[in-house]
Amino acid sequence: LIPRPPGERHPLRAVAEVWPRRYRMRRTALEVFLRDGHSVLLNLLTEKSCQELFEALHALAPDLRVRHQLDIFDDFTATGLTAAWIRRELSNFDYLMRLNFHASRSYNDLSQYPVVPWVLSDYSSETLDLEDARLFRDLSSPVGALGSESRRAETLARYETLQSSGMDPYHYGSHYSTPGFVLYYLLRLEPFTTLHRVLQSGRFDRADRLFDSVARSWQGCLRNVSDVKELVPEFYCLPEAFVNSNRVNFGKKQS
């Protein structure tokens, strides 16, 4: 039996696949996918315990699809998904979600939540001409390299300053995906509303810092050198994320 939350059990025959996962940058976890579409992430604390469970599952159910190694590049290459995407047998969204899956990202782990890019560069116009190339974000560069030349110069200057000081240099002091960013975008949905309050010591962050405008969030990614966040999949497939259906009081903005 594979345990889920307390009081809930599933027989081994209900398990469709088991995949290795990282947890807090260590290969100590596995994700169990059930045939009913649900999944659960288990952290076994040590790589040895994780491997032992893999071997036990394989012995109990030889036909169960169990991945023993986390070899992202070789595993993904063997799927043929890139070729299918090029032939337009997969949508861009589906292809990105498969990339996330094979890269050990999971909806069960806020620290490795699936990530998708900003695609458009205009979030304020009433109508959009999708034939206009200027409408789209430059996907050849990360978010931190977009925006003004002065912003890029500041990023490079920081790197060079750190390097000349004998410190480990870096371009960006933040990341394109963090638990805080996931909760920022999904604030209006449970369980993310509750998790946001947990992150903020039992209360909501100041209303001025909460997500309330796609256009302003995009502009922040272009102007603020410390804002390099990409998006979550729900941005493209779950419009409920933009509606306060639970009528939560998020406070009053000062500006």
Protein backbone atom coordinates (compact mmCIF):
# COMPACT_ATOMS: atom_id res chain seq x y z
CA LEU A 1 0.00 0.00 0.00
CA ILE A 2 1.16 3.51 -0.86
CA PRO A 3 0.27 6.01 1.88
CA ARG A 4 -1.21 9.39 1.07
CA PRO A 5 -2.54 11.85 3.69
CA PRO A 6 -3.43 10.24 7.08
CA GLY A 7 -6.35 7.82 6.83
CA GLU A 8 -6.08 7.39 3.05
CA ARG A 9 -4.63 4.33 1.34
CA HIS A 10 -4.28 3.04 -2.19
CA PRO A 11 -3.49 -0.53 -3.30
CA LEU A 12 -0.37 -1.10 -5.34
CA ARG A 13 -2.48 -1.92 -8.38
CA ALA A 14 -3.73 1.70 -8.33
CA VAL A 15 -0.19 2.96 -8.98
CA ALA A 16 0.60 3.81 -12.61
CA GLU A 17 4.17 5.12 -12.40
CA VAL A 18 6.90 5.98 -9.92
CA TRP A 19 9.51 8.61 -10.77
CA PRO A 20 12.62 9.77 -8.90
CA ARG A 21 12.56 13.37 -7.74
CA ARG A 22 14.82 15.89 -6.06
CA TYR A 23 13.75 17.45 -2.79
CA ARG A 24 15.68 20.47 -1.52
CA MET A 25 18.31 19.74 -4.18
CA ARG A 26 18.87 16.18 -2.94
CA ARG A 27 17.84 13.01 -4.74
CA THR A 28 15.88 11.65 -1.81
CA ALA A 29 12.31 11.74 -3.11
CA LEU A 30 10.01 9.92 -5.46
CA GLU A 31 6.66 10.83 -6.96
CA VAL A 32 3.91 8.23 -7.15
CA PHE A 33 1.35 8.67 -9.92
CA LEU A 34 -1.99 6.94 -9.45
CA ARG A 35 -4.22 5.69 -12.23
CA ASP A 36 -6.99 8.08 -11.18
CA GLY A 37 -4.77 11.06 -12.06
CA HIS A 38 -3.66 11.96 -8.54
CA SER A 39 -0.06 11.93 -7.38
CA VAL A 40 1.91 12.17 -4.15
CA LEU A 41 5.50 13.23 -3.48
CA LEU A 42 7.40 11.23 -0.87
CA ASN A 43 10.67 12.39 0.68
CA LEU A 44 12.61 9.40 1.97
CA LEU A 45 15.31 11.58 3.64
CA THR A 46 18.24 9.59 2.21
CA GLU A 47 19.20 8.38 -1.26
CA LYS A 48 19.67 4.88 0.12
CA SER A 49 16.11 4.71 1.46
CA CYS A 50 14.82 6.01 -1.84
CA GLN A 51 16.66 3.33 -3.80
CA GLU A 52 15.48 0.61 -1.43
CA LEU A 53 11.87 1.62 -1.95
CA PHE A 54 12.33 1.64 -5.70
CA GLU A 55 13.70 -1.89 -5.57
CA ALA A 56 10.89 -3.07 -3.29
CA LEU A 57 8.23 -1.64 -5.61
CA HIS A 58 9.84 -3.26 -8.62
CA ALA A 59 9.97 -6.61 -6.83
CA LEU A 60 6.31 -6.42 -5.80
CA ALA A 61 5.08 -5.21 -9.19
CA PRO A 62 7.57 -6.05 -11.99
CA ASP A 63 5.29 -4.50 -14.62
CA LEU A 64 5.05 -1.19 -12.79
CA ARG A 65 6.79 1.64 -14.62
CA VAL A 66 9.55 2.62 -12.22
CA ARG A 67 12.35 5.03 -13.07
CA HIS A 68 15.43 4.26 -11.01
CA GLN A 69 17.64 7.12 -12.15
CA LEU A 70 17.12 10.84 -12.62
CA ASP A 71 18.88 11.30 -15.95
CA ILE A 72 16.95 14.23 -17.36
CA PHE A 73 18.69 14.69 -20.71
CA ASP A 74 18.91 11.06 -21.82
CA ASP A 75 15.45 10.24 -20.55
CA PHE A 76 13.77 13.15 -22.30
CA THR A 77 15.67 12.61 -25.55
CA ALA A 78 14.42 9.02 -25.68
CA THR A 79 10.78 10.10 -25.50
CA GLY A 80 10.75 11.65 -28.95
CA LEU A 81 8.66 14.53 -27.60
CA THR A 82 10.81 17.20 -29.24
CA ALA A 83 10.30 15.64 -32.66
CA ALA A 84 6.56 15.40 -31.99
CA TRP A 85 6.49 19.07 -31.00
CA ILE A 86 8.37 20.07 -34.16
CA ARG A 87 5.77 18.14 -36.20
CA ARG A 88 3.09 20.12 -34.30
CA GLU A 89 1.68 16.98 -32.74
CA LEU A 90 2.10 18.67 -29.34
CA SER A 91 1.08 22.19 -28.42
CA ASN A 92 3.66 24.55 -26.97
CA PHE A 93 1.95 24.29 -23.59
CA ASP A 94 1.89 20.48 -23.57
CA TYR A 95 5.53 20.34 -24.63
CA LEU A 96 6.56 22.72 -21.84
CA MET A 97 4.63 20.69 -19.29
CA ARG A 98 6.41 17.51 -20.38
CA LEU A 99 9.73 19.33 -20.07
CA ASN A 100 8.79 20.35 -16.53
CA PHE A 101 7.80 16.80 -15.66
CA HIS A 102 11.07 15.31 -16.90
CA ALA A 103 13.06 18.08 -15.19
CA SER A 104 11.80 16.89 -11.79
CA ARG A 105 9.31 19.72 -11.35
CA SER A 106 6.09 18.84 -9.59
CA TYR A 107 2.78 20.39 -8.54
CA ASN A 108 3.45 18.70 -5.18
CA ASP A 109 6.58 20.78 -4.46
CA LEU A 110 6.42 24.58 -4.29
CA SER A 111 10.20 24.79 -4.46
CA GLN A 112 10.21 22.98 -7.81
CA TYR A 113 6.83 24.00 -9.15
CA PRO A 114 6.30 23.82 -12.94
CA VAL A 115 7.41 27.01 -14.67
CA VAL A 116 6.40 28.54 -18.00
CA PRO A 117 7.63 31.75 -19.66
CA TRP A 118 6.10 35.11 -20.26
CA VAL A 119 5.23 35.04 -23.96
CA LEU A 120 3.59 38.35 -24.80
CA SER A 121 5.08 41.79 -24.21
CA ASP A 122 1.81 43.75 -24.27
CA TYR A 123 -0.70 43.30 -21.44
CA SER A 124 -2.47 46.64 -21.64
CA SER A 125 -3.86 46.98 -25.18
CA GLU A 126 -7.55 46.27 -25.80
CA THR A 127 -6.78 44.27 -28.96
CA LEU A 128 -3.69 42.33 -30.05
CA ASP A 129 -2.33 41.67 -33.52
CA LEU A 130 -0.73 38.24 -33.22
CA GLU A 131 0.92 38.70 -36.61
CA ASP A 132 3.04 41.53 -35.17
CA ALA A 133 6.37 40.10 -33.98
CA ARG A 134 6.86 43.06 -31.65
CA LEU A 135 3.98 41.76 -29.57
CA PHE A 136 6.03 38.82 -28.32
CA ARG A 137 8.66 38.65 -25.62
CA ASP A 138 12.23 37.86 -26.69
CA LEU A 139 12.56 34.19 -25.68
CA SER A 140 16.26 34.09 -26.54
CA SER A 141 17.04 35.82 -23.22
CA PRO A 142 15.99 35.22 -19.60
CA VAL A 143 13.69 37.75 -17.99
CA GLY A 144 16.62 39.37 -16.22
CA ALA A 145 18.19 40.30 -19.56
CA LEU A 146 15.05 41.97 -20.91
CA GLY A 147 14.11 45.61 -20.55
CA SER A 148 16.36 48.63 -20.88
CA GLU A 149 20.05 48.68 -21.68
CA SER A 150 20.70 50.36 -18.32
CA ARG A 151 19.10 47.41 -16.53
CA ARG A 152 21.35 44.95 -18.35
CA ALA A 153 24.37 47.16 -17.66
CA GLU A 154 23.58 47.19 -13.95
CA THR A 155 23.34 43.40 -13.93
CA LEU A 156 26.71 43.04 -15.67
CA ALA A 157 28.32 45.62 -13.40
CA ARG A 158 27.23 43.68 -10.31
CA TYR A 159 28.75 40.51 -11.73
CA GLU A 160 32.05 42.21 -12.48
CA THR A 161 32.17 43.90 -9.08
CA LEU A 162 31.70 40.60 -7.27
CA GLN A 163 34.27 38.91 -9.49
CA SER A 164 36.88 41.62 -8.94
CA SER A 165 36.30 41.40 -5.17
CA GLY A 166 37.17 37.71 -5.16
CA MET A 167 33.60 36.66 -4.40
CA ASP A 168 31.53 34.14 -6.33
CA PRO A 169 29.96 36.28 -9.06
CA TYR A 170 26.36 36.03 -10.21
CA HIS A 171 24.06 37.96 -12.49
CA TYR A 172 20.80 37.57 -10.61
CA GLY A 173 20.30 37.50 -6.88
CA SER A 174 16.91 35.84 -7.22
CA HIS A 175 15.46 32.99 -9.31
CA TYR A 176 12.83 32.72 -12.01
CA SER A 177 10.76 30.36 -9.86
CA THR A 178 10.48 30.19 -6.07
CA PRO A 179 7.76 29.13 -3.59
CA GLY A 180 7.07 32.82 -2.94
CA PHE A 181 6.51 33.52 -6.63
CA VAL A 182 4.11 30.57 -6.95
CA LEU A 183 2.08 31.86 -4.00
CA TYR A 184 2.23 35.38 -5.44
CA TYR A 185 0.46 34.30 -8.63
CA LEU A 186 -1.97 31.80 -7.09
CA LEU A 187 -2.92 33.85 -4.04
CA ARG A 188 -6.65 33.76 -4.85
CA LEU A 189 -6.85 29.96 -4.88
CA GLU A 190 -6.71 27.50 -2.01
CA PRO A 191 -4.54 25.99 -0.70
CA PHE A 192 -2.25 28.78 -1.90
CA THR A 193 -4.18 31.47 0.00
CA THR A 194 -3.49 29.65 3.27
CA LEU A 195 0.11 28.86 2.32
CA HIS A 196 0.73 32.52 1.55
CA ARG A 197 -0.38 33.44 5.07
CA VAL A 198 1.87 30.74 6.51
CA LEU A 199 4.80 32.21 4.57
CA GLN A 200 3.94 35.68 5.91
CA SER A 201 3.74 34.62 9.59
CA GLY A 202 -0.03 34.24 9.67
CA ARG A 203 -1.09 37.31 7.68
CA PHE A 204 -1.15 38.57 4.12
CA ASP A 205 1.67 40.62 2.73
CA ARG A 206 0.98 44.32 2.23
CA ALA A 207 -1.74 44.86 -0.37
CA ASP A 208 0.62 46.99 -2.51
CA ARG A 209 2.91 43.97 -2.96
CA LEU A 210 0.20 41.44 -3.86
CA PHE A 211 -0.50 40.31 -7.41
CA ASP A 212 -3.33 42.44 -8.78
CA SER A 213 -2.25 43.36 -12.31
CA VAL A 214 -0.67 41.28 -15.08
CA ALA A 215 0.55 44.43 -16.83
CA ARG A 216 2.24 45.81 -13.69
CA SER A 217 3.84 42.46 -12.92
CA TRP A 218 5.26 42.32 -16.44
CA GLN A 219 6.58 45.86 -16.21
CA GLY A 220 8.21 44.98 -12.90
CA CYS A 221 10.08 42.14 -14.63
CA LEU A 222 11.37 44.63 -17.20
CA ARG A 223 12.43 47.42 -14.84
CA ASN A 224 13.37 45.92 -11.48
CA VAL A 225 16.82 44.28 -11.52
CA SER A 226 15.78 41.95 -8.69
CA ASP A 227 12.54 40.84 -10.37
CA VAL A 228 13.28 37.95 -12.73
CA LYS A 229 10.27 35.71 -12.18
CA GLU A 230 8.60 33.74 -14.93
CA LEU A 231 5.03 32.37 -14.75
CA VAL A 232 3.14 29.34 -13.47
CA PRO A 233 1.12 27.05 -15.80
CA GLU A 234 -2.17 28.25 -14.32
CA PHE A 235 -1.55 31.61 -15.98
CA TYR A 236 -2.42 29.97 -19.31
CA CYS A 237 -5.04 27.42 -18.32
CA LEU A 238 -6.87 28.45 -15.13
CA PRO A 239 -8.73 31.79 -15.33
CA GLU A 240 -10.02 31.25 -11.78
CA ALA A 241 -6.54 32.24 -10.60
CA PHE A 242 -7.39 35.84 -11.51
CA VAL A 243 -10.73 35.97 -9.67
CA ASN A 244 -11.24 36.37 -5.93
CA SER A 245 -14.08 33.83 -5.85
CA ASN A 246 -13.57 33.18 -2.12
CA ARG A 247 -14.02 36.90 -1.38
CA VAL A 248 -10.88 37.07 0.70
CA ASN A 249 -10.03 40.44 2.22
CA PHE A 250 -6.51 41.13 0.99
CA GLY A 251 -6.35 44.59 2.55
CA LYS A 252 -6.29 48.07 1.08
CA LYS A 253 -3.53 49.48 -1.11
CA GLN A 254 -1.84 52.70 -0.03
CA SER A 255 -1.23 53.86 -3.59
